[in-house]
Amino acid sequence: MDENAGGQEFGDEVYQPQDGPEGREDDGVLDPEDTLNERETEPYDEGYSPPERPLGVDSHGTTAREQREGESLDERLAEERPDPASEPPAEGDGVGDLPGGEGEPLDDQVGEERAGRLVAPDEGAREDAEKDMIAEDVGISGGAASAEEAAVHRVPDEDERSR
């Protein structure tokens, strides 16, 4: 190994760090700005969405005593649910989204043809001077409609229904 004037040793002219108190410390946890996660916002600004219902609160084994005693075979079998794919399909009334149940009936006031984007005559460029809300259907914009726009359907007129 070569030695320079400062007393540091070099191997093949490349600095080799020495182990010691000033050596590299690796705690294994990176700072958020050093990770590869591309987060646009702060984690606290994103919010938290809790589960719909508490998970595991009513299940067996949440207390230390239950964990020690274990669960009997009868208790385990009571928790099992049958596979819905193995059951024959329930006969429904053809209405709504629940098989065999009451659902929402189809209304003749709801059209099947989707409406396009509704745009004001001034295309939203100026302040509206009219009291009435007026808009024109300008067609579907490449299928990139918001959920609200996609929910709007065209209701045919009376003379169109009779055709």
N, C-alpha and C. Protein backbone atom coordinates (compact mmCIF):
# COMPACT_ATOMS: atom_id res chain seq x y z
N MET A 1 0.83 -1.18 0.00
CA MET A 1 0.00 0.00 0.00
C MET A 1 0.87 1.23 0.00
N ASP A 2 0.36 2.26 -0.67
CA ASP A 2 1.08 3.52 -0.71
C ASP A 2 0.68 4.36 0.49
N GLU A 3 1.58 5.24 0.89
CA GLU A 3 1.26 6.19 1.94
C GLU A 3 1.49 7.58 1.41
N ASN A 4 0.55 8.50 1.74
CA ASN A 4 0.75 9.88 1.31
C ASN A 4 1.33 10.67 2.46
N ALA A 5 1.53 11.95 2.25
CA ALA A 5 2.18 12.79 3.24
C ALA A 5 1.33 12.97 4.49
N GLY A 6 0.03 12.82 4.38
CA GLY A 6 -0.86 13.03 5.53
C GLY A 6 -0.93 11.82 6.44
N GLY A 7 -0.34 10.74 6.08
CA GLY A 7 -0.35 9.56 6.93
C GLY A 7 -1.52 8.63 6.66
N GLN A 8 -2.39 8.96 5.71
CA GLN A 8 -3.51 8.09 5.39
C GLN A 8 -3.06 7.04 4.41
N GLU A 9 -3.57 5.83 4.61
CA GLU A 9 -3.20 4.75 3.71
C GLU A 9 -4.18 4.67 2.57
N PHE A 10 -3.67 4.39 1.40
CA PHE A 10 -4.50 4.24 0.21
C PHE A 10 -4.17 2.90 -0.43
N GLY A 11 -5.17 2.24 -0.97
CA GLY A 11 -4.93 1.02 -1.71
C GLY A 11 -5.29 1.26 -3.16
N ASP A 12 -4.37 1.08 -4.04
CA ASP A 12 -4.58 1.34 -5.47
C ASP A 12 -5.09 2.75 -5.70
N GLU A 13 -4.59 3.68 -4.93
CA GLU A 13 -4.93 5.10 -5.05
C GLU A 13 -6.42 5.38 -4.82
N VAL A 14 -7.12 4.49 -4.09
CA VAL A 14 -8.52 4.70 -3.75
C VAL A 14 -8.63 4.72 -2.25
N TYR A 15 -9.34 5.70 -1.72
CA TYR A 15 -9.47 5.85 -0.27
C TYR A 15 -10.26 4.69 0.31
N GLN A 16 -9.74 4.05 1.33
CA GLN A 16 -10.42 2.97 2.03
C GLN A 16 -10.77 3.48 3.42
N PRO A 17 -12.07 3.59 3.74
CA PRO A 17 -12.43 4.11 5.07
C PRO A 17 -12.02 3.13 6.16
N GLN A 18 -11.63 3.67 7.28
CA GLN A 18 -11.19 2.87 8.42
C GLN A 18 -12.37 2.65 9.35
N ASP A 19 -12.43 1.47 9.93
CA ASP A 19 -13.47 1.21 10.93
C ASP A 19 -13.11 1.95 12.20
N GLY A 20 -14.12 2.46 12.85
CA GLY A 20 -13.88 3.20 14.08
C GLY A 20 -15.08 4.07 14.39
N PRO A 21 -14.92 4.93 15.38
CA PRO A 21 -16.07 5.76 15.78
C PRO A 21 -16.51 6.73 14.68
N GLU A 22 -15.59 7.12 13.81
CA GLU A 22 -15.97 8.03 12.73
C GLU A 22 -16.39 7.27 11.48
N GLY A 23 -16.44 5.95 11.55
CA GLY A 23 -16.84 5.13 10.41
C GLY A 23 -18.31 5.33 10.06
N ARG A 24 -18.68 4.74 8.96
CA ARG A 24 -20.04 4.90 8.45
C ARG A 24 -21.04 4.23 9.38
N GLU A 25 -22.07 4.97 9.75
CA GLU A 25 -23.11 4.43 10.62
C GLU A 25 -24.36 4.17 9.79
N ASP A 26 -24.84 2.94 9.82
CA ASP A 26 -26.02 2.57 9.03
C ASP A 26 -27.09 2.07 9.98
N ASP A 27 -28.10 2.88 10.20
CA ASP A 27 -29.17 2.45 11.09
C ASP A 27 -30.28 1.73 10.33
N GLY A 28 -30.19 1.65 9.02
CA GLY A 28 -31.15 0.89 8.23
C GLY A 28 -32.40 1.63 7.83
N VAL A 29 -32.71 2.74 8.46
CA VAL A 29 -33.92 3.48 8.15
C VAL A 29 -33.53 4.76 7.40
N LEU A 30 -34.09 4.93 6.22
CA LEU A 30 -33.79 6.11 5.42
C LEU A 30 -34.74 7.25 5.76
N ASP A 31 -34.25 8.45 5.58
CA ASP A 31 -35.13 9.60 5.70
C ASP A 31 -36.10 9.61 4.53
N PRO A 32 -37.31 10.17 4.70
CA PRO A 32 -38.28 10.15 3.60
C PRO A 32 -37.75 10.79 2.33
N GLU A 33 -36.92 11.82 2.44
CA GLU A 33 -36.42 12.46 1.22
C GLU A 33 -35.36 11.62 0.52
N ASP A 34 -34.82 10.60 1.21
CA ASP A 34 -33.82 9.73 0.60
C ASP A 34 -34.41 8.45 0.00
N THR A 35 -35.71 8.23 0.16
CA THR A 35 -36.32 7.01 -0.37
C THR A 35 -36.73 7.21 -1.82
N LEU A 36 -37.09 6.12 -2.47
CA LEU A 36 -37.51 6.19 -3.86
C LEU A 36 -39.00 6.40 -4.01
N ASN A 37 -39.72 6.49 -2.91
CA ASN A 37 -41.16 6.75 -3.00
C ASN A 37 -41.38 8.18 -3.46
N GLU A 38 -42.09 8.33 -4.54
CA GLU A 38 -42.36 9.66 -5.09
C GLU A 38 -43.64 10.20 -4.49
N ARG A 39 -43.57 10.78 -3.34
CA ARG A 39 -44.75 11.35 -2.70
C ARG A 39 -44.76 12.84 -2.97
N GLU A 40 -45.90 13.27 -3.50
CA GLU A 40 -46.06 14.69 -3.82
C GLU A 40 -46.36 15.50 -2.56
N THR A 41 -46.99 14.87 -1.58
CA THR A 41 -47.41 15.59 -0.39
C THR A 41 -46.77 14.97 0.84
N GLU A 42 -46.94 15.66 1.94
CA GLU A 42 -46.48 15.15 3.21
C GLU A 42 -47.35 13.98 3.63
N PRO A 43 -46.81 13.01 4.36
CA PRO A 43 -47.64 11.86 4.76
C PRO A 43 -48.83 12.28 5.61
N TYR A 44 -48.68 13.31 6.42
CA TYR A 44 -49.79 13.73 7.27
C TYR A 44 -50.86 14.48 6.47
N ASP A 45 -50.50 15.02 5.32
CA ASP A 45 -51.48 15.70 4.47
C ASP A 45 -52.32 14.72 3.67
N GLU A 46 -51.84 13.49 3.49
CA GLU A 46 -52.56 12.50 2.71
C GLU A 46 -53.80 12.01 3.42
N GLY A 47 -53.77 11.97 4.73
CA GLY A 47 -54.92 11.50 5.49
C GLY A 47 -54.86 10.01 5.72
N TYR A 48 -55.81 9.54 6.49
CA TYR A 48 -55.88 8.13 6.85
C TYR A 48 -57.31 7.67 6.67
N SER A 49 -57.50 6.57 6.01
CA SER A 49 -58.83 6.01 5.82
C SER A 49 -58.95 4.77 6.69
N PRO A 50 -59.72 4.85 7.78
CA PRO A 50 -59.83 3.69 8.66
C PRO A 50 -60.65 2.59 8.01
N PRO A 51 -60.53 1.36 8.50
CA PRO A 51 -61.33 0.28 7.94
C PRO A 51 -62.82 0.51 8.20
N GLU A 52 -63.66 -0.13 7.41
CA GLU A 52 -65.10 0.04 7.55
C GLU A 52 -65.61 -0.43 8.90
N ARG A 53 -65.00 -1.45 9.44
CA ARG A 53 -65.41 -1.98 10.73
C ARG A 53 -64.16 -2.46 11.44
N PRO A 54 -64.20 -2.56 12.78
CA PRO A 54 -63.01 -3.05 13.48
C PRO A 54 -62.71 -4.49 13.10
N LEU A 55 -61.46 -4.78 12.87
CA LEU A 55 -61.06 -6.11 12.44
C LEU A 55 -60.51 -6.90 13.63
N GLY A 56 -60.96 -8.12 13.80
CA GLY A 56 -60.42 -9.01 14.80
C GLY A 56 -60.90 -8.78 16.21
N VAL A 57 -61.78 -7.83 16.45
CA VAL A 57 -62.23 -7.55 17.80
C VAL A 57 -63.07 -8.70 18.34
N ASP A 58 -63.93 -9.25 17.50
CA ASP A 58 -64.82 -10.32 17.94
C ASP A 58 -64.25 -11.70 17.70
N SER A 59 -63.09 -11.80 17.12
CA SER A 59 -62.54 -13.12 16.81
C SER A 59 -61.85 -13.71 18.03
N HIS A 60 -61.65 -15.00 18.00
CA HIS A 60 -61.02 -15.72 19.10
C HIS A 60 -59.51 -15.47 19.06
N GLY A 61 -58.91 -15.33 20.23
CA GLY A 61 -57.46 -15.18 20.30
C GLY A 61 -57.00 -13.75 20.47
N THR A 62 -57.90 -12.84 20.83
CA THR A 62 -57.47 -11.45 21.01
C THR A 62 -56.93 -11.21 22.42
N THR A 63 -57.30 -12.05 23.38
CA THR A 63 -56.77 -11.91 24.73
C THR A 63 -55.67 -12.94 24.96
N ALA A 64 -54.87 -12.72 25.99
CA ALA A 64 -53.77 -13.64 26.29
C ALA A 64 -54.31 -15.01 26.71
N ARG A 65 -55.39 -15.03 27.48
CA ARG A 65 -55.96 -16.31 27.92
C ARG A 65 -56.44 -17.13 26.73
N GLU A 66 -57.12 -16.46 25.79
CA GLU A 66 -57.61 -17.17 24.60
C GLU A 66 -56.45 -17.70 23.76
N GLN A 67 -55.37 -16.96 23.70
CA GLN A 67 -54.21 -17.41 22.94
C GLN A 67 -53.56 -18.63 23.60
N ARG A 68 -53.51 -18.64 24.94
CA ARG A 68 -52.93 -19.78 25.66
C ARG A 68 -53.79 -21.03 25.48
N GLU A 69 -55.11 -20.86 25.64
CA GLU A 69 -56.01 -22.01 25.58
C GLU A 69 -56.17 -22.55 24.17
N GLY A 70 -56.07 -21.68 23.20
CA GLY A 70 -56.26 -22.10 21.82
C GLY A 70 -57.73 -22.17 21.45
N GLU A 71 -57.99 -22.60 20.26
CA GLU A 71 -59.35 -22.63 19.74
C GLU A 71 -59.72 -24.07 19.41
N SER A 72 -60.92 -24.47 19.81
CA SER A 72 -61.33 -25.86 19.55
C SER A 72 -61.70 -26.01 18.08
N LEU A 73 -61.76 -27.27 17.65
CA LEU A 73 -62.11 -27.56 16.26
C LEU A 73 -63.53 -27.10 15.95
N ASP A 74 -64.44 -27.27 16.90
CA ASP A 74 -65.83 -26.84 16.69
C ASP A 74 -65.91 -25.32 16.50
N GLU A 75 -65.11 -24.58 17.26
CA GLU A 75 -65.11 -23.12 17.11
C GLU A 75 -64.54 -22.71 15.75
N ARG A 76 -63.51 -23.41 15.33
CA ARG A 76 -62.93 -23.10 14.02
C ARG A 76 -63.91 -23.40 12.90
N LEU A 77 -64.59 -24.54 12.98
CA LEU A 77 -65.56 -24.90 11.94
C LEU A 77 -66.76 -23.95 11.92
N ALA A 78 -67.13 -23.42 13.09
CA ALA A 78 -68.26 -22.48 13.15
C ALA A 78 -67.93 -21.18 12.43
N GLU A 79 -66.65 -20.84 12.34
CA GLU A 79 -66.25 -19.60 11.66
C GLU A 79 -66.21 -19.75 10.14
N GLU A 80 -66.16 -20.97 9.66
CA GLU A 80 -66.09 -21.20 8.22
C GLU A 80 -67.38 -20.77 7.53
N ARG A 81 -67.22 -20.22 6.36
CA ARG A 81 -68.38 -19.85 5.53
C ARG A 81 -68.34 -20.67 4.26
N PRO A 82 -69.51 -21.06 3.75
CA PRO A 82 -69.50 -21.86 2.51
C PRO A 82 -69.03 -21.03 1.33
N ASP A 83 -68.46 -21.71 0.36
CA ASP A 83 -67.99 -21.07 -0.86
C ASP A 83 -69.19 -20.69 -1.72
N PRO A 84 -69.38 -19.41 -2.03
CA PRO A 84 -70.54 -19.02 -2.84
C PRO A 84 -70.52 -19.60 -4.24
N ALA A 85 -69.34 -19.94 -4.76
CA ALA A 85 -69.27 -20.49 -6.11
C ALA A 85 -69.82 -21.91 -6.17
N SER A 86 -69.81 -22.62 -5.04
CA SER A 86 -70.31 -23.99 -5.04
C SER A 86 -71.83 -24.07 -4.92
N GLU A 87 -72.46 -22.97 -4.54
CA GLU A 87 -73.92 -22.96 -4.41
C GLU A 87 -74.56 -22.62 -5.75
N PRO A 88 -75.74 -23.17 -6.03
CA PRO A 88 -76.44 -22.80 -7.27
C PRO A 88 -76.89 -21.34 -7.18
N PRO A 89 -76.93 -20.65 -8.31
CA PRO A 89 -77.34 -19.25 -8.28
C PRO A 89 -78.79 -19.11 -7.81
N ALA A 90 -79.03 -18.10 -7.00
CA ALA A 90 -80.38 -17.87 -6.48
C ALA A 90 -81.26 -17.30 -7.58
N GLU A 91 -82.49 -17.73 -7.57
CA GLU A 91 -83.45 -17.21 -8.53
C GLU A 91 -83.84 -15.80 -8.10
N GLY A 92 -83.61 -14.85 -8.95
CA GLY A 92 -83.95 -13.48 -8.62
C GLY A 92 -85.19 -13.03 -9.36
N ASP A 93 -85.63 -11.84 -9.00
CA ASP A 93 -86.80 -11.28 -9.67
C ASP A 93 -86.40 -10.44 -10.88
N GLY A 94 -85.09 -10.38 -11.17
CA GLY A 94 -84.63 -9.63 -12.32
C GLY A 94 -84.59 -8.13 -12.09
N VAL A 95 -84.79 -7.73 -10.85
CA VAL A 95 -84.81 -6.31 -10.54
C VAL A 95 -83.70 -6.02 -9.53
N GLY A 96 -82.93 -5.01 -9.78
CA GLY A 96 -81.92 -4.58 -8.83
C GLY A 96 -80.65 -5.40 -8.89
N ASP A 97 -79.83 -5.21 -7.88
CA ASP A 97 -78.53 -5.84 -7.90
C ASP A 97 -78.38 -6.96 -6.88
N LEU A 98 -79.41 -7.25 -6.09
CA LEU A 98 -79.34 -8.34 -5.13
C LEU A 98 -80.09 -9.55 -5.65
N PRO A 99 -79.42 -10.68 -5.82
CA PRO A 99 -80.15 -11.86 -6.28
C PRO A 99 -81.13 -12.33 -5.21
N GLY A 100 -82.38 -12.51 -5.59
CA GLY A 100 -83.40 -12.96 -4.67
C GLY A 100 -83.88 -11.89 -3.71
N GLY A 101 -83.45 -10.67 -3.89
CA GLY A 101 -83.85 -9.60 -2.98
C GLY A 101 -84.47 -8.45 -3.74
N GLU A 102 -84.99 -7.53 -2.96
CA GLU A 102 -85.57 -6.35 -3.60
C GLU A 102 -84.43 -5.40 -3.95
N GLY A 103 -84.45 -4.94 -5.12
CA GLY A 103 -83.45 -3.98 -5.55
C GLY A 103 -84.12 -2.73 -6.06
N GLU A 104 -83.38 -1.93 -6.72
CA GLU A 104 -83.93 -0.70 -7.27
C GLU A 104 -84.50 -0.99 -8.65
N PRO A 105 -85.79 -0.76 -8.84
CA PRO A 105 -86.36 -1.03 -10.16
C PRO A 105 -85.85 -0.04 -11.20
N LEU A 106 -85.81 -0.50 -12.43
CA LEU A 106 -85.36 0.37 -13.51
C LEU A 106 -86.45 1.38 -13.81
N ASP A 107 -86.06 2.61 -13.92
CA ASP A 107 -87.01 3.70 -14.15
C ASP A 107 -87.01 4.04 -15.63
N ASP A 108 -88.18 4.30 -16.18
CA ASP A 108 -88.24 4.67 -17.59
C ASP A 108 -87.77 6.10 -17.81
N GLN A 109 -87.53 6.83 -16.74
CA GLN A 109 -87.02 8.19 -16.86
C GLN A 109 -85.50 8.22 -16.98
N VAL A 110 -84.87 7.09 -16.83
CA VAL A 110 -83.42 7.03 -16.93
C VAL A 110 -83.07 6.53 -18.33
N GLY A 111 -82.33 7.33 -19.05
CA GLY A 111 -81.94 6.94 -20.40
C GLY A 111 -80.77 5.99 -20.39
N GLU A 112 -80.61 5.29 -21.49
CA GLU A 112 -79.49 4.36 -21.62
C GLU A 112 -78.31 5.00 -22.34
N GLU A 113 -78.57 6.06 -23.10
CA GLU A 113 -77.51 6.72 -23.86
C GLU A 113 -76.84 7.76 -22.99
N ARG A 114 -75.52 7.67 -22.89
CA ARG A 114 -74.78 8.59 -22.05
C ARG A 114 -74.70 9.97 -22.70
N ALA A 115 -74.88 11.00 -21.89
CA ALA A 115 -74.76 12.38 -22.37
C ALA A 115 -73.29 12.77 -22.38
N GLY A 116 -72.97 13.77 -23.16
CA GLY A 116 -71.60 14.25 -23.21
C GLY A 116 -71.35 15.32 -22.17
N ARG A 117 -70.34 16.10 -22.41
CA ARG A 117 -70.00 17.19 -21.49
C ARG A 117 -70.97 18.35 -21.70
N LEU A 118 -71.42 18.93 -20.62
CA LEU A 118 -72.28 20.10 -20.69
C LEU A 118 -71.41 21.34 -20.50
N VAL A 119 -71.45 22.22 -21.49
CA VAL A 119 -70.60 23.41 -21.47
C VAL A 119 -71.49 24.63 -21.64
N ALA A 120 -71.21 25.67 -20.85
CA ALA A 120 -71.95 26.92 -20.96
C ALA A 120 -71.65 27.58 -22.30
N PRO A 121 -72.57 28.45 -22.80
CA PRO A 121 -72.33 29.09 -24.09
C PRO A 121 -71.01 29.87 -24.15
N ASP A 122 -70.62 30.48 -23.03
CA ASP A 122 -69.35 31.22 -23.04
C ASP A 122 -68.17 30.32 -22.65
N GLU A 123 -68.43 29.02 -22.53
CA GLU A 123 -67.42 28.01 -22.21
C GLU A 123 -66.72 28.30 -20.89
N GLY A 124 -67.40 28.99 -19.98
CA GLY A 124 -66.86 29.27 -18.66
C GLY A 124 -65.77 30.32 -18.65
N ALA A 125 -65.64 31.09 -19.74
CA ALA A 125 -64.56 32.07 -19.84
C ALA A 125 -64.91 33.38 -19.14
N ARG A 126 -66.20 33.68 -19.06
CA ARG A 126 -66.61 34.95 -18.46
C ARG A 126 -67.62 34.69 -17.36
N GLU A 127 -67.91 35.73 -16.61
CA GLU A 127 -68.92 35.63 -15.56
C GLU A 127 -70.30 35.58 -16.20
N ASP A 128 -71.17 34.72 -15.69
CA ASP A 128 -72.51 34.58 -16.25
C ASP A 128 -73.36 35.79 -15.89
N ALA A 129 -73.95 36.40 -16.93
CA ALA A 129 -74.84 37.54 -16.72
C ALA A 129 -76.29 37.08 -16.67
N GLU A 130 -76.54 35.80 -16.99
CA GLU A 130 -77.91 35.29 -17.02
C GLU A 130 -78.27 34.68 -15.67
N LYS A 131 -79.57 34.73 -15.37
CA LYS A 131 -80.04 34.08 -14.16
C LYS A 131 -80.23 32.59 -14.39
N ASP A 132 -80.55 32.20 -15.60
CA ASP A 132 -80.82 30.80 -15.91
C ASP A 132 -79.51 30.05 -16.16
N MET A 133 -79.56 28.78 -15.85
CA MET A 133 -78.41 27.92 -16.14
C MET A 133 -78.62 27.30 -17.50
N ILE A 134 -77.79 27.65 -18.45
CA ILE A 134 -77.92 27.16 -19.82
C ILE A 134 -76.61 26.47 -20.18
N ALA A 135 -76.74 25.30 -20.80
CA ALA A 135 -75.55 24.58 -21.24
C ALA A 135 -75.90 23.79 -22.49
N GLU A 136 -74.86 23.40 -23.20
CA GLU A 136 -75.04 22.66 -24.44
C GLU A 136 -74.22 21.38 -24.36
N ASP A 137 -74.77 20.29 -24.87
CA ASP A 137 -74.06 19.01 -24.90
C ASP A 137 -73.06 19.07 -26.05
N VAL A 138 -71.76 18.99 -25.71
CA VAL A 138 -70.73 19.08 -26.74
C VAL A 138 -70.12 17.72 -27.06
N GLY A 139 -70.72 16.66 -26.55
CA GLY A 139 -70.24 15.32 -26.88
C GLY A 139 -69.30 14.77 -25.84
N ILE A 140 -69.00 13.50 -25.99
CA ILE A 140 -68.13 12.83 -25.04
C ILE A 140 -66.69 13.17 -25.37
N SER A 141 -65.93 13.49 -24.33
CA SER A 141 -64.55 13.93 -24.51
C SER A 141 -63.60 12.75 -24.35
N GLY A 142 -63.56 11.88 -25.32
CA GLY A 142 -62.59 10.79 -25.31
C GLY A 142 -62.75 9.82 -24.16
N GLY A 143 -63.91 9.78 -23.53
CA GLY A 143 -64.14 8.86 -22.43
C GLY A 143 -63.47 9.28 -21.14
N ALA A 144 -62.90 10.46 -21.08
CA ALA A 144 -62.21 10.91 -19.89
C ALA A 144 -63.12 11.77 -19.02
N ALA A 145 -64.35 11.33 -18.86
CA ALA A 145 -65.31 12.10 -18.07
C ALA A 145 -65.13 11.80 -16.59
N SER A 146 -65.50 12.77 -15.77
CA SER A 146 -65.49 12.53 -14.34
C SER A 146 -66.66 11.62 -13.99
N ALA A 147 -66.72 11.15 -12.77
CA ALA A 147 -67.80 10.26 -12.36
C ALA A 147 -69.15 10.96 -12.46
N GLU A 148 -69.17 12.24 -12.14
CA GLU A 148 -70.42 12.99 -12.22
C GLU A 148 -70.89 13.12 -13.66
N GLU A 149 -69.95 13.39 -14.58
CA GLU A 149 -70.33 13.52 -15.99
C GLU A 149 -70.77 12.17 -16.56
N ALA A 150 -70.11 11.10 -16.15
CA ALA A 150 -70.47 9.78 -16.66
C ALA A 150 -71.82 9.32 -16.14
N ALA A 151 -72.28 9.88 -15.04
CA ALA A 151 -73.57 9.49 -14.48
C ALA A 151 -74.74 10.15 -15.20
N VAL A 152 -74.49 11.17 -16.01
CA VAL A 152 -75.57 11.87 -16.70
C VAL A 152 -75.91 11.11 -17.98
N HIS A 153 -77.20 10.77 -18.12
CA HIS A 153 -77.68 10.05 -19.30
C HIS A 153 -78.79 10.85 -19.96
N ARG A 154 -78.91 10.65 -21.24
CA ARG A 154 -79.89 11.37 -22.04
C ARG A 154 -81.23 10.65 -21.94
N VAL A 155 -82.29 11.40 -21.60
CA VAL A 155 -83.65 10.86 -21.52
C VAL A 155 -84.34 11.21 -22.83
N PRO A 156 -84.83 10.21 -23.56
CA PRO A 156 -85.49 10.50 -24.84
C PRO A 156 -86.82 11.23 -24.63
N ASP A 157 -87.18 12.05 -25.61
CA ASP A 157 -88.46 12.75 -25.58
C ASP A 157 -89.59 11.75 -25.80
N GLU A 158 -90.82 12.22 -25.57
CA GLU A 158 -91.99 11.35 -25.72
C GLU A 158 -92.10 10.80 -27.14
N ASP A 159 -91.90 11.66 -28.15
CA ASP A 159 -92.03 11.19 -29.53
C ASP A 159 -90.90 10.23 -29.92
N GLU A 160 -89.72 10.35 -29.30
CA GLU A 160 -88.62 9.43 -29.57
C GLU A 160 -88.87 8.06 -28.93
N ARG A 161 -89.57 8.02 -27.81
CA ARG A 161 -89.86 6.76 -27.12
C ARG A 161 -90.82 5.90 -27.92
N SER A 162 -91.74 6.53 -28.62
CA SER A 162 -92.76 5.77 -29.35
C SER A 162 -92.19 5.11 -30.60
N ARG A 163 -91.03 5.49 -31.03
CA ARG A 163 -90.43 4.91 -32.25
C ARG A 163 -89.91 3.54 -32.05
